Structures are given as structure tokens and as C-alpha cells.
């Protein structure tokens, strides 16, 4: 099998919603009238973003999931993706499993793969994703307002705890299977993002750590926040070790949950949107006029974390 056989067999699918998909020098796309086009890109590198021995089907799922999460954060409907692969060798069984995971999630969200590239090199996976939202209605990072409630979806810290245990740093803690599932097969909150249009003032996805990512909203919105650490949601099985796992919960990353702000009077609408999307949400803090992020314990004391989130170059 050569490169072009590989593309034809595993990465060429009917591209619904595209004028022209895989097979030419460029795809031809036609966005829905009255909608803005959203474009994002993410790269996963072996040894940096995933272990070399990860299940390739799970890796295919995660490669697209982290990009879908960016669309979710803006309330956009994901439409098209470009997939670029650098493979150290042409292992057909590995590629077949990767493609199953990738295209299985793509089908679940109505995403068409319309192009990309393949080359030989250190295992690197890159996706450019495109989606659309009604013109001018997208969720952004710069819309938070003083007095807004701060919300987060799902549970935090599961993926980070699984990673730390894999690195041998959590001896004696029995993690539930959900932790490894979250690390390897995160579920992007696409439906929730769309339900929050017209309700949330600002939003982003939690990829580098809750505290670090919330700080991006604060910087872009020119405001501050207080967060109630005891309110941060995590898996019930992790509660006995909550104090030890606080860095994972508050700053661990790889959660791919949504963090968003909304006015207090919209709390019922937030809960209804979450119920419609089939995901739990938790109110974990409040936007303030005082600059900076304050992480508060149950007694009101401010807590300092060693780091707020992941930084590739730290």
C-alpha cells in the first residue's frame, strides 16, 4: 500500500455539505447563508499529548474530539475538517483503527473530512476544523461581565488524574475507569455550546486547566473572578482524595468541558440548556470588577496553586 492507496481506502468518505471534498487540490465549501464561519486547528504529538502505546482507535477519537471542543466553546455547528498525518511507518492495522475512531466521532457530529495531507515522520496528528454559527451570535471569550455566574460542565480532573497515575505520581489512589476514559476518549460538549447561544456571555473549553483557561476569559473581558474550589465538580469516587487531587481538578487540563459565564437571572435557562444537551453543569464562582483570579476555600481563605494550568514551554 502506498500513500495514495492509504488516503483512498481509509480517509476518503462522502463529503456531505461540501461542493467538493477529498481528491482535488482544494476542497470547495459553501457555508450556510446568514452564518459566520469558524475555523480552528489543533495538533497532537506523540510523547507530548499522548503515550506512544495508546489504543489507535481511542487516539482517532481524541484527535477529532479536541477540535470539536473548540467548536462547542463558540456554540458553532461543526461542519468540515482537514486531517494531516505524519506517520513513522505505514502500519495498515494501526491506520484502520485510527480511522475507525476518527470517522466514528465525525459521523456522530455530522462532520465531513474534506482534505488534508499525509507524510512520513514522527507521529503527529493535526486537524483544522470548520463550523458555523448564526451571524454575530457566537460565544466568545471577551463577553464576561461583572456579576456573571461562572459555570462549568461535567466533571474536572479525571483525565489529569489518569495521566498522573500513569506517570506513577498517585500511589495508593484507586481511580475509577471514567478517568482513563476521559483521558483517551473525551466527549466534546457540542450540543451544550449550541444551547447556550443567547444565554451565556462568554465561554471557552477547558483544555489546559480550569484556572488557566478561565484566566483567558478574564484577560479578554478585562475583569476578575472568585472561584469556590469546593464547588468544582469531579467524579464522586475521587472525593476521598479531593485535597490531594485539587491540582488535577482546578488546573490539570485535558477536561474538554465548557467553562462559561451567564447573568444570575439566567440560571434557570442555563440549567434547562444543560438538561436539553444531556450534561450536568455546576455554578462555581462569580465574575467581579477586582482584577485577577481568586481561588477560595470553603472558609473563604485564598488558595495559591503551584500552577494554574499546562504550558507547553514552561
C-alpha atoms as a PDB file:
ATOM      1  CA  UNK A   1       0.000   0.000   0.000  1.00  0.00           C
ATOM      2  CA  UNK A   2       1.324   3.458  -0.898  1.00  0.00           C
ATOM      3  CA  UNK A   3       0.319   6.902   0.362  1.00  0.00           C
ATOM      4  CA  UNK A   4      -2.480   7.379  -2.147  1.00  0.00           C
ATOM      5  CA  UNK A   5      -3.917   3.906  -1.535  1.00  0.00           C
ATOM      6  CA  UNK A   6      -3.937   4.800   2.160  1.00  0.00           C
ATOM      7  CA  UNK A   7      -5.878   8.002   1.540  1.00  0.00           C
ATOM      8  CA  UNK A   8      -8.391   6.332  -0.770  1.00  0.00           C
ATOM      9  CA  UNK A   9      -9.015   3.356   1.497  1.00  0.00           C
ATOM     10  CA  UNK A  10      -9.159   4.997   4.919  1.00  0.00           C
ATOM     11  CA  UNK A  11      -9.622   8.744   4.585  1.00  0.00           C
ATOM     12  CA  UNK A  12     -11.861   9.312   1.565  1.00  0.00           C
ATOM     13  CA  UNK A  13     -15.523   9.473   2.558  1.00  0.00           C
ATOM     14  CA  UNK A  14     -18.534  11.144   1.005  1.00  0.00           C
ATOM     15  CA  UNK A  15     -18.366  14.821   1.961  1.00  0.00           C
ATOM     16  CA  UNK A  16     -21.940  15.850   2.635  1.00  0.00           C
ATOM     17  CA  UNK A  17     -22.374  19.594   2.774  1.00  0.00           C
ATOM     18  CA  UNK A  18     -19.315  20.266   0.614  1.00  0.00           C
ATOM     19  CA  UNK A  19     -19.326  21.185  -3.044  1.00  0.00           C
ATOM     20  CA  UNK A  20     -16.083  19.206  -3.453  1.00  0.00           C
ATOM     21  CA  UNK A  21     -14.240  17.083  -0.908  1.00  0.00           C
ATOM     22  CA  UNK A  22     -11.141  14.873  -0.934  1.00  0.00           C
ATOM     23  CA  UNK A  23      -9.441  14.244  -4.280  1.00  0.00           C
ATOM     24  CA  UNK A  24      -8.606  17.646  -5.726  1.00  0.00           C
ATOM     25  CA  UNK A  25      -6.084  20.375  -4.935  1.00  0.00           C
ATOM     26  CA  UNK A  26      -8.539  22.018  -2.544  1.00  0.00           C
ATOM     27  CA  UNK A  27     -11.998  21.440  -1.147  1.00  0.00           C
ATOM     28  CA  UNK A  28     -14.889  23.690  -2.138  1.00  0.00           C
ATOM     29  CA  UNK A  29     -17.192  24.644   0.725  1.00  0.00           C
ATOM     30  CA  UNK A  30     -20.403  26.644   0.811  1.00  0.00           C
ATOM     31  CA  UNK A  31     -21.339  27.946   4.287  1.00  0.00           C
ATOM     32  CA  UNK A  32     -24.984  28.436   5.196  1.00  0.00           C
ATOM     33  CA  UNK A  33     -26.244  31.934   4.294  1.00  0.00           C
ATOM     34  CA  UNK A  34     -26.528  34.190   7.328  1.00  0.00           C
ATOM     35  CA  UNK A  35     -23.871  32.303   9.282  1.00  0.00           C
ATOM     36  CA  UNK A  36     -20.309  33.105  10.308  1.00  0.00           C
ATOM     37  CA  UNK A  37     -17.568  30.593   9.530  1.00  0.00           C
ATOM     38  CA  UNK A  38     -15.482  29.382  12.494  1.00  0.00           C
ATOM     39  CA  UNK A  39     -12.030  27.875  11.894  1.00  0.00           C
ATOM     40  CA  UNK A  40      -9.699  26.260  14.435  1.00  0.00           C
ATOM     41  CA  UNK A  41      -6.653  23.983  14.385  1.00  0.00           C
ATOM     42  CA  UNK A  42      -5.088  21.611  16.933  1.00  0.00           C
ATOM     43  CA  UNK A  43      -2.042  19.371  16.825  1.00  0.00           C
ATOM     44  CA  UNK A  44      -1.315  16.215  18.846  1.00  0.00           C
ATOM     45  CA  UNK A  45       2.279  14.995  19.090  1.00  0.00           C
ATOM     46  CA  UNK A  46       3.343  11.567  20.323  1.00  0.00           C
ATOM     47  CA  UNK A  47       5.102  11.784  23.682  1.00  0.00           C
ATOM     48  CA  UNK A  48       3.708  15.254  24.333  1.00  0.00           C
ATOM     49  CA  UNK A  49      -0.063  14.834  24.021  1.00  0.00           C
ATOM     50  CA  UNK A  50      -0.410  11.058  24.180  1.00  0.00           C
ATOM     51  CA  UNK A  51       1.549   7.947  25.071  1.00  0.00           C
ATOM     52  CA  UNK A  52       3.083   6.014  22.182  1.00  0.00           C
ATOM     53  CA  UNK A  53       1.209   2.841  23.172  1.00  0.00           C
ATOM     54  CA  UNK A  54      -2.263   4.417  23.244  1.00  0.00           C
ATOM     55  CA  UNK A  55      -5.056   2.483  21.526  1.00  0.00           C
ATOM     56  CA  UNK A  56      -5.139   3.925  17.975  1.00  0.00           C
ATOM     57  CA  UNK A  57      -8.929   3.873  17.817  1.00  0.00           C
ATOM     58  CA  UNK A  58      -9.096   5.946  21.008  1.00  0.00           C
ATOM     59  CA  UNK A  59      -6.458   8.262  19.553  1.00  0.00           C
ATOM     60  CA  UNK A  60      -8.520   8.735  16.400  1.00  0.00           C
ATOM     61  CA  UNK A  61     -11.480   9.695  18.582  1.00  0.00           C
ATOM     62  CA  UNK A  62      -9.462  12.156  20.668  1.00  0.00           C
ATOM     63  CA  UNK A  63      -7.786  13.742  17.634  1.00  0.00           C
ATOM     64  CA  UNK A  64     -11.156  14.961  16.407  1.00  0.00           C
ATOM     65  CA  UNK A  65     -12.709  15.451  19.865  1.00  0.00           C
ATOM     66  CA  UNK A  66     -10.274  18.169  20.911  1.00  0.00           C
ATOM     67  CA  UNK A  67     -11.168  20.107  17.754  1.00  0.00           C
ATOM     68  CA  UNK A  68     -14.894  19.597  18.189  1.00  0.00           C
ATOM     69  CA  UNK A  69     -14.471  21.035  21.665  1.00  0.00           C
ATOM     70  CA  UNK A  70     -13.283  24.325  20.146  1.00  0.00           C
ATOM     71  CA  UNK A  71     -16.450  24.489  18.059  1.00  0.00           C
ATOM     72  CA  UNK A  72     -18.510  23.684  21.145  1.00  0.00           C
ATOM     73  CA  UNK A  73     -16.887  26.552  23.042  1.00  0.00           C
ATOM     74  CA  UNK A  74     -18.216  29.039  20.495  1.00  0.00           C
ATOM     75  CA  UNK A  75     -21.642  27.481  20.050  1.00  0.00           C
ATOM     76  CA  UNK A  76     -20.809  26.563  16.467  1.00  0.00           C
ATOM     77  CA  UNK A  77     -22.147  23.627  14.479  1.00  0.00           C
ATOM     78  CA  UNK A  78     -19.095  21.639  13.268  1.00  0.00           C
ATOM     79  CA  UNK A  79     -19.231  21.019   9.504  1.00  0.00           C
ATOM     80  CA  UNK A  80     -15.878  20.190   7.878  1.00  0.00           C
ATOM     81  CA  UNK A  81     -12.396  19.023   8.866  1.00  0.00           C
ATOM     82  CA  UNK A  82      -8.953  18.697   7.298  1.00  0.00           C
ATOM     83  CA  UNK A  83      -6.764  15.892   8.674  1.00  0.00           C
ATOM     84  CA  UNK A  84      -2.963  15.942   8.392  1.00  0.00           C
ATOM     85  CA  UNK A  85      -0.946  12.900   9.489  1.00  0.00           C
ATOM     86  CA  UNK A  86       2.772  12.346   9.957  1.00  0.00           C
ATOM     87  CA  UNK A  87       3.336   8.591  10.382  1.00  0.00           C
ATOM     88  CA  UNK A  88       6.668   6.954  11.252  1.00  0.00           C
ATOM     89  CA  UNK A  89       5.683   3.953   9.135  1.00  0.00           C
ATOM     90  CA  UNK A  90       2.709   2.676   7.180  1.00  0.00           C
ATOM     91  CA  UNK A  91       1.069   0.259   9.624  1.00  0.00           C
ATOM     92  CA  UNK A  92      -2.245  -0.591   7.994  1.00  0.00           C
ATOM     93  CA  UNK A  93      -3.813  -2.134  11.110  1.00  0.00           C
ATOM     94  CA  UNK A  94      -2.928   0.969  13.147  1.00  0.00           C
ATOM     95  CA  UNK A  95      -4.300   3.292  10.466  1.00  0.00           C
ATOM     96  CA  UNK A  96      -7.525   1.281  10.169  1.00  0.00           C
ATOM     97  CA  UNK A  97      -8.145   1.519  13.918  1.00  0.00           C
ATOM     98  CA  UNK A  98      -7.307   5.238  13.995  1.00  0.00           C
ATOM     99  CA  UNK A  99      -9.702   5.883  11.113  1.00  0.00           C
ATOM    100  CA  UNK A 100     -12.500   3.981  12.898  1.00  0.00           C
ATOM    101  CA  UNK A 101     -12.174   6.213  15.930  1.00  0.00           C
ATOM    102  CA  UNK A 102     -11.857   9.417  13.930  1.00  0.00           C
ATOM    103  CA  UNK A 103     -14.666   8.816  11.451  1.00  0.00           C
ATOM    104  CA  UNK A 104     -16.931   7.288  14.089  1.00  0.00           C
ATOM    105  CA  UNK A 105     -16.910  10.562  16.018  1.00  0.00           C
ATOM    106  CA  UNK A 106     -17.111  12.576  12.792  1.00  0.00           C
ATOM    107  CA  UNK A 107     -20.270  10.719  11.792  1.00  0.00           C
ATOM    108  CA  UNK A 108     -21.791  11.280  15.240  1.00  0.00           C
ATOM    109  CA  UNK A 109     -21.402  15.051  14.797  1.00  0.00           C
ATOM    110  CA  UNK A 110     -22.098  15.360  11.089  1.00  0.00           C
ATOM    111  CA  UNK A 111     -18.532  16.380  10.214  1.00  0.00           C
ATOM    112  CA  UNK A 112     -17.168  15.760   6.716  1.00  0.00           C
ATOM    113  CA  UNK A 113     -13.434  15.294   6.160  1.00  0.00           C
ATOM    114  CA  UNK A 114     -12.728  17.331   3.027  1.00  0.00           C
ATOM    115  CA  UNK A 115      -8.949  17.175   2.727  1.00  0.00           C
ATOM    116  CA  UNK A 116      -5.591  17.086   4.465  1.00  0.00           C
ATOM    117  CA  UNK A 117      -2.163  15.588   3.931  1.00  0.00           C
ATOM    118  CA  UNK A 118      -0.006  12.606   4.841  1.00  0.00           C
ATOM    119  CA  UNK A 119       3.756  12.363   5.231  1.00  0.00           C
ATOM    120  CA  UNK A 120       6.391  10.213   6.907  1.00  0.00           C
ATOM    121  CA  UNK A 121       7.815  11.470  10.191  1.00  0.00           C
ATOM    122  CA  UNK A 122       7.405  11.412  13.988  1.00  0.00           C
ATOM    123  CA  UNK A 123       3.782  10.563  14.831  1.00  0.00           C
ATOM    124  CA  UNK A 124       1.920  13.881  14.640  1.00  0.00           C
ATOM    125  CA  UNK A 125      -1.798  14.436  14.126  1.00  0.00           C
ATOM    126  CA  UNK A 126      -3.194  17.790  13.067  1.00  0.00           C
ATOM    127  CA  UNK A 127      -6.785  18.804  12.368  1.00  0.00           C
ATOM    128  CA  UNK A 128      -8.236  22.016  11.021  1.00  0.00           C
ATOM    129  CA  UNK A 129     -11.939  22.162  11.758  1.00  0.00           C
ATOM    130  CA  UNK A 130     -14.599  24.495  10.400  1.00  0.00           C
ATOM    131  CA  UNK A 131     -18.060  25.175  11.710  1.00  0.00           C
ATOM    132  CA  UNK A 132     -20.700  27.850  11.612  1.00  0.00           C
ATOM    133  CA  UNK A 133     -22.993  29.791  13.890  1.00  0.00           C
ATOM    134  CA  UNK A 134     -25.703  32.372  13.218  1.00  0.00           C
ATOM    135  CA  UNK A 135     -24.082  35.639  12.245  1.00  0.00           C
ATOM    136  CA  UNK A 136     -22.919  37.671  15.239  1.00  0.00           C
ATOM    137  CA  UNK A 137     -24.234  35.214  17.838  1.00  0.00           C
ATOM    138  CA  UNK A 138     -21.129  33.130  18.616  1.00  0.00           C
ATOM    139  CA  UNK A 139     -19.907  32.643  22.168  1.00  0.00           C
ATOM    140  CA  UNK A 140     -16.596  34.434  22.720  1.00  0.00           C
ATOM    141  CA  UNK A 141     -14.050  34.903  25.486  1.00  0.00           C
ATOM    142  CA  UNK A 142     -14.456  38.682  25.711  1.00  0.00           C
ATOM    143  CA  UNK A 143     -18.085  38.919  26.828  1.00  0.00           C
ATOM    144  CA  UNK A 144     -17.943  38.228  30.583  1.00  0.00           C
ATOM    145  CA  UNK A 145     -19.481  40.951  32.768  1.00  0.00           C
ATOM    146  CA  UNK A 146     -19.158  41.720  36.484  1.00  0.00           C
ATOM    147  CA  UNK A 147     -21.871  39.893  38.398  1.00  0.00           C
ATOM    148  CA  UNK A 148     -21.994  36.974  35.964  1.00  0.00           C
ATOM    149  CA  UNK A 149     -22.098  33.494  37.423  1.00  0.00           C
ATOM    150  CA  UNK A 150     -19.270  31.182  36.363  1.00  0.00           C
ATOM    151  CA  UNK A 151     -20.343  27.703  35.264  1.00  0.00           C
ATOM    152  CA  UNK A 152     -18.546  24.570  34.195  1.00  0.00           C
ATOM    153  CA  UNK A 153     -19.922  21.442  32.571  1.00  0.00           C
ATOM    154  CA  UNK A 154     -19.326  17.817  33.508  1.00  0.00           C
ATOM    155  CA  UNK A 155     -16.538  16.799  35.887  1.00  0.00           C
ATOM    156  CA  UNK A 156     -12.995  18.133  36.199  1.00  0.00           C
ATOM    157  CA  UNK A 157      -9.709  16.428  36.971  1.00  0.00           C
ATOM    158  CA  UNK A 158     -10.425  12.934  35.669  1.00  0.00           C
ATOM    159  CA  UNK A 159      -8.039  12.990  32.708  1.00  0.00           C
ATOM    160  CA  UNK A 160      -5.323  14.735  34.701  1.00  0.00           C
ATOM    161  CA  UNK A 161      -5.599  12.151  37.489  1.00  0.00           C
ATOM    162  CA  UNK A 162      -5.326   9.316  34.943  1.00  0.00           C
ATOM    163  CA  UNK A 163      -2.226  10.941  33.465  1.00  0.00           C
ATOM    164  CA  UNK A 164      -0.601  11.433  36.847  1.00  0.00           C
ATOM    165  CA  UNK A 165      -1.274   7.831  37.799  1.00  0.00           C
ATOM    166  CA  UNK A 166       0.184   6.630  34.502  1.00  0.00           C
ATOM    167  CA  UNK A 167       3.318   8.643  35.382  1.00  0.00           C
ATOM    168  CA  UNK A 168       3.472   6.929  38.781  1.00  0.00           C
ATOM    169  CA  UNK A 169       2.625  10.059  40.764  1.00  0.00           C
ATOM    170  CA  UNK A 170      -0.594   8.932  42.519  1.00  0.00           C
ATOM    171  CA  UNK A 171       0.318   5.819  44.511  1.00  0.00           C
ATOM    172  CA  UNK A 172      -2.454   4.401  46.659  1.00  0.00           C
ATOM    173  CA  UNK A 173      -5.343   6.109  44.869  1.00  0.00           C
ATOM    174  CA  UNK A 174      -7.876   3.838  43.185  1.00  0.00           C
ATOM    175  CA  UNK A 175      -9.129   5.727  40.134  1.00  0.00           C
ATOM    176  CA  UNK A 176     -12.450   4.845  38.500  1.00  0.00           C
ATOM    177  CA  UNK A 177     -12.426   3.688  34.880  1.00  0.00           C
ATOM    178  CA  UNK A 178     -14.026   7.012  33.949  1.00  0.00           C
ATOM    179  CA  UNK A 179     -10.656   8.741  34.464  1.00  0.00           C
ATOM    180  CA  UNK A 180      -8.859   6.810  31.718  1.00  0.00           C
ATOM    181  CA  UNK A 181     -11.971   7.105  29.538  1.00  0.00           C
ATOM    182  CA  UNK A 182     -11.859  10.886  29.885  1.00  0.00           C
ATOM    183  CA  UNK A 183      -8.144  10.989  29.071  1.00  0.00           C
ATOM    184  CA  UNK A 184      -8.409   8.833  25.965  1.00  0.00           C
ATOM    185  CA  UNK A 185     -11.971   9.462  24.728  1.00  0.00           C
ATOM    186  CA  UNK A 186     -13.181  12.914  25.846  1.00  0.00           C
ATOM    187  CA  UNK A 187     -16.726  13.866  24.910  1.00  0.00           C
ATOM    188  CA  UNK A 188     -16.892  17.367  23.367  1.00  0.00           C
ATOM    189  CA  UNK A 189     -19.862  19.396  24.608  1.00  0.00           C
ATOM    190  CA  UNK A 190     -21.071  20.415  21.152  1.00  0.00           C
ATOM    191  CA  UNK A 191     -24.781  20.305  21.952  1.00  0.00           C
ATOM    192  CA  UNK A 192     -24.356  22.344  25.134  1.00  0.00           C
ATOM    193  CA  UNK A 193     -22.444  25.074  23.320  1.00  0.00           C
ATOM    194  CA  UNK A 194     -25.248  25.492  20.825  1.00  0.00           C
ATOM    195  CA  UNK A 195     -27.864  25.533  23.583  1.00  0.00           C
ATOM    196  CA  UNK A 196     -26.000  28.359  25.343  1.00  0.00           C
ATOM    197  CA  UNK A 197     -26.280  30.775  22.409  1.00  0.00           C
ATOM    198  CA  UNK A 198     -28.210  33.806  23.583  1.00  0.00           C
ATOM    199  CA  UNK A 199     -27.756  32.797  27.251  1.00  0.00           C
ATOM    200  CA  UNK A 200     -24.036  32.783  28.057  1.00  0.00           C
ATOM    201  CA  UNK A 201     -21.995  35.966  27.888  1.00  0.00           C
ATOM    202  CA  UNK A 202     -18.593  34.275  27.430  1.00  0.00           C
ATOM    203  CA  UNK A 203     -17.292  30.733  27.031  1.00  0.00           C
ATOM    204  CA  UNK A 204     -14.295  28.555  26.244  1.00  0.00           C
ATOM    205  CA  UNK A 205     -13.342  24.915  26.524  1.00  0.00           C
ATOM    206  CA  UNK A 206     -11.188  23.631  29.379  1.00  0.00           C
ATOM    207  CA  UNK A 207      -8.132  22.105  27.732  1.00  0.00           C
ATOM    208  CA  UNK A 208      -5.094  23.422  29.624  1.00  0.00           C
ATOM    209  CA  UNK A 209      -6.672  23.527  33.095  1.00  0.00           C
ATOM    210  CA  UNK A 210      -9.771  25.195  34.534  1.00  0.00           C
ATOM    211  CA  UNK A 211      -7.934  28.027  36.330  1.00  0.00           C
ATOM    212  CA  UNK A 212      -5.668  28.820  33.375  1.00  0.00           C
ATOM    213  CA  UNK A 213      -8.488  28.753  30.864  1.00  0.00           C
ATOM    214  CA  UNK A 214     -10.834  30.862  33.000  1.00  0.00           C
ATOM    215  CA  UNK A 215      -7.969  33.363  33.236  1.00  0.00           C
ATOM    216  CA  UNK A 216      -8.151  33.744  29.442  1.00  0.00           C
ATOM    217  CA  UNK A 217     -11.781  34.866  29.770  1.00  0.00           C
ATOM    218  CA  UNK A 218     -10.795  37.332  32.491  1.00  0.00           C
ATOM    219  CA  UNK A 219      -7.980  38.793  30.411  1.00  0.00           C
ATOM    220  CA  UNK A 220     -10.090  39.159  27.285  1.00  0.00           C
ATOM    221  CA  UNK A 221     -13.068  40.549  29.230  1.00  0.00           C
ATOM    222  CA  UNK A 222     -10.983  42.903  31.434  1.00  0.00           C
ATOM    223  CA  UNK A 223     -12.453  41.667  34.692  1.00  0.00           C
ATOM    224  CA  UNK A 224     -11.678  39.377  37.630  1.00  0.00           C
ATOM    225  CA  UNK A 225     -13.294  36.419  39.322  1.00  0.00           C
ATOM    226  CA  UNK A 226     -13.652  34.471  42.517  1.00  0.00           C
ATOM    227  CA  UNK A 227     -13.965  30.697  42.297  1.00  0.00           C
ATOM    228  CA  UNK A 228     -15.256  28.441  45.070  1.00  0.00           C
ATOM    229  CA  UNK A 229     -12.913  25.472  44.960  1.00  0.00           C
ATOM    230  CA  UNK A 230     -15.322  23.192  46.837  1.00  0.00           C
ATOM    231  CA  UNK A 231     -17.866  23.772  44.066  1.00  0.00           C
ATOM    232  CA  UNK A 232     -15.629  22.470  41.285  1.00  0.00           C
ATOM    233  CA  UNK A 233     -17.257  19.214  40.136  1.00  0.00           C
ATOM    234  CA  UNK A 234     -15.353  15.940  39.941  1.00  0.00           C
ATOM    235  CA  UNK A 235     -16.125  12.210  39.973  1.00  0.00           C
ATOM    236  CA  UNK A 236     -17.679  11.019  43.268  1.00  0.00           C
ATOM    237  CA  UNK A 237     -15.044   8.273  43.533  1.00  0.00           C
ATOM    238  CA  UNK A 238     -12.334  10.956  43.734  1.00  0.00           C
ATOM    239  CA  UNK A 239     -13.885  12.791  46.697  1.00  0.00           C
ATOM    240  CA  UNK A 240     -11.865  10.909  49.375  1.00  0.00           C
ATOM    241  CA  UNK A 241      -8.690  12.287  47.766  1.00  0.00           C
ATOM    242  CA  UNK A 242     -10.092  15.685  46.794  1.00  0.00           C
ATOM    243  CA  UNK A 243      -7.459  17.710  48.683  1.00  0.00           C
ATOM    244  CA  UNK A 244      -4.605  15.722  47.138  1.00  0.00           C
ATOM    245  CA  UNK A 245      -6.171  15.908  43.693  1.00  0.00           C
ATOM    246  CA  UNK A 246      -7.005  19.628  43.807  1.00  0.00           C
ATOM    247  CA  UNK A 247      -4.215  20.497  41.316  1.00  0.00           C
ATOM    248  CA  UNK A 248      -5.752  17.976  38.891  1.00  0.00           C
ATOM    249  CA  UNK A 249      -9.287  19.281  39.423  1.00  0.00           C
ATOM    250  CA  UNK A 250      -8.527  23.008  39.310  1.00  0.00           C
ATOM    251  CA  UNK A 251      -5.581  23.079  36.931  1.00  0.00           C
ATOM    252  CA  UNK A 252      -4.975  19.639  35.419  1.00  0.00           C
ATOM    253  CA  UNK A 253      -6.295  20.092  31.897  1.00  0.00           C
ATOM    254  CA  UNK A 254      -7.460  17.681  29.191  1.00  0.00           C
ATOM    255  CA  UNK A 255     -11.035  18.002  30.510  1.00  0.00           C
ATOM    256  CA  UNK A 256     -12.672  19.375  27.338  1.00  0.00           C
ATOM    257  CA  UNK A 257     -15.576  20.658  29.384  1.00  0.00           C
ATOM    258  CA  UNK A 258     -17.091  24.095  28.826  1.00  0.00           C
ATOM    259  CA  UNK A 259     -16.480  26.998  31.181  1.00  0.00           C
ATOM    260  CA  UNK A 260     -18.885  29.875  30.655  1.00  0.00           C
ATOM    261  CA  UNK A 261     -20.405  32.913  32.310  1.00  0.00           C
ATOM    262  CA  UNK A 262     -24.038  33.987  32.409  1.00  0.00           C
ATOM    263  CA  UNK A 263     -26.074  36.560  34.343  1.00  0.00           C
ATOM    264  CA  UNK A 264     -27.613  35.242  37.594  1.00  0.00           C
ATOM    265  CA  UNK A 265     -31.139  35.774  36.288  1.00  0.00           C
ATOM    266  CA  UNK A 266     -30.400  33.228  33.545  1.00  0.00           C
ATOM    267  CA  UNK A 267     -29.611  30.377  35.961  1.00  0.00           C
ATOM    268  CA  UNK A 268     -32.832  28.533  35.142  1.00  0.00           C
ATOM    269  CA  UNK A 269     -32.150  28.899  31.418  1.00  0.00           C
ATOM    270  CA  UNK A 270     -28.625  27.524  31.915  1.00  0.00           C
ATOM    271  CA  UNK A 271     -29.993  24.509  33.753  1.00  0.00           C
ATOM    272  CA  UNK A 272     -32.595  23.951  31.047  1.00  0.00           C
ATOM    273  CA  UNK A 273     -29.969  24.229  28.296  1.00  0.00           C
ATOM    274  CA  UNK A 274     -27.778  21.707  30.089  1.00  0.00           C
ATOM    275  CA  UNK A 275     -30.679  19.309  30.579  1.00  0.00           C
ATOM    276  CA  UNK A 276     -31.541  19.573  26.885  1.00  0.00           C
ATOM    277  CA  UNK A 277     -27.911  18.806  25.997  1.00  0.00           C
ATOM    278  CA  UNK A 278     -27.797  15.900  28.460  1.00  0.00           C
ATOM    279  CA  UNK A 279     -24.890  17.187  30.547  1.00  0.00           C
ATOM    280  CA  UNK A 280     -24.612  18.389  34.137  1.00  0.00           C
ATOM    281  CA  UNK A 281     -23.419  21.913  34.900  1.00  0.00           C
ATOM    282  CA  UNK A 282     -22.158  23.452  38.139  1.00  0.00           C
ATOM    283  CA  UNK A 283     -22.074  27.075  39.276  1.00  0.00           C
ATOM    284  CA  UNK A 284     -18.547  27.561  40.624  1.00  0.00           C
ATOM    285  CA  UNK A 285     -17.912  31.283  41.020  1.00  0.00           C
ATOM    286  CA  UNK A 286     -18.672  34.860  40.102  1.00  0.00           C
ATOM    287  CA  UNK A 287     -17.163  37.493  37.801  1.00  0.00           C
ATOM    288  CA  UNK A 288     -16.029  40.628  39.652  1.00  0.00           C
ATOM    289  CA  UNK A 289     -14.574  44.046  38.936  1.00  0.00           C
ATOM    290  CA  UNK A 290     -11.462  43.254  41.014  1.00  0.00           C
ATOM    291  CA  UNK A 291      -8.698  42.172  38.593  1.00  0.00           C
ATOM    292  CA  UNK A 292      -7.251  38.685  38.808  1.00  0.00           C
ATOM    293  CA  UNK A 293      -8.453  35.220  39.740  1.00  0.00           C
ATOM    294  CA  UNK A 294      -9.088  34.373  43.397  1.00  0.00           C
ATOM    295  CA  UNK A 295      -9.410  30.691  44.300  1.00  0.00           C
ATOM    296  CA  UNK A 296     -11.288  30.401  47.591  1.00  0.00           C
ATOM    297  CA  UNK A 297     -11.501  27.543  50.090  1.00  0.00           C
ATOM    298  CA  UNK A 298     -14.713  26.769  51.967  1.00  0.00           C
ATOM    299  CA  UNK A 299     -13.698  29.121  54.789  1.00  0.00           C
ATOM    300  CA  UNK A 300     -13.066  31.977  52.370  1.00  0.00           C
ATOM    301  CA  UNK A 301      -9.284  31.746  52.537  1.00  0.00           C
ATOM    302  CA  UNK A 302      -7.493  32.309  49.258  1.00  0.00           C
ATOM    303  CA  UNK A 303      -5.635  29.250  47.918  1.00  0.00           C
ATOM    304  CA  UNK A 304      -2.472  29.506  45.846  1.00  0.00           C
ATOM    305  CA  UNK A 305      -1.792  26.733  43.339  1.00  0.00           C
ATOM    306  CA  UNK A 306       1.713  25.937  42.160  1.00  0.00           C
ATOM    307  CA  UNK A 307       0.478  26.393  38.599  1.00  0.00           C
ATOM    308  CA  UNK A 308      -2.856  27.312  37.044  1.00  0.00           C
ATOM    309  CA  UNK A 309      -2.621  25.005  34.038  1.00  0.00           C
ATOM    310  CA  UNK A 310      -0.482  23.395  31.391  1.00  0.00           C
ATOM    311  CA  UNK A 311       2.062  25.369  29.367  1.00  0.00           C
ATOM    312  CA  UNK A 312       3.944  23.645  26.539  1.00  0.00           C
ATOM    313  CA  UNK A 313       7.003  25.833  27.051  1.00  0.00           C
ATOM    314  CA  UNK A 314       7.027  26.169  30.833  1.00  0.00           C
END
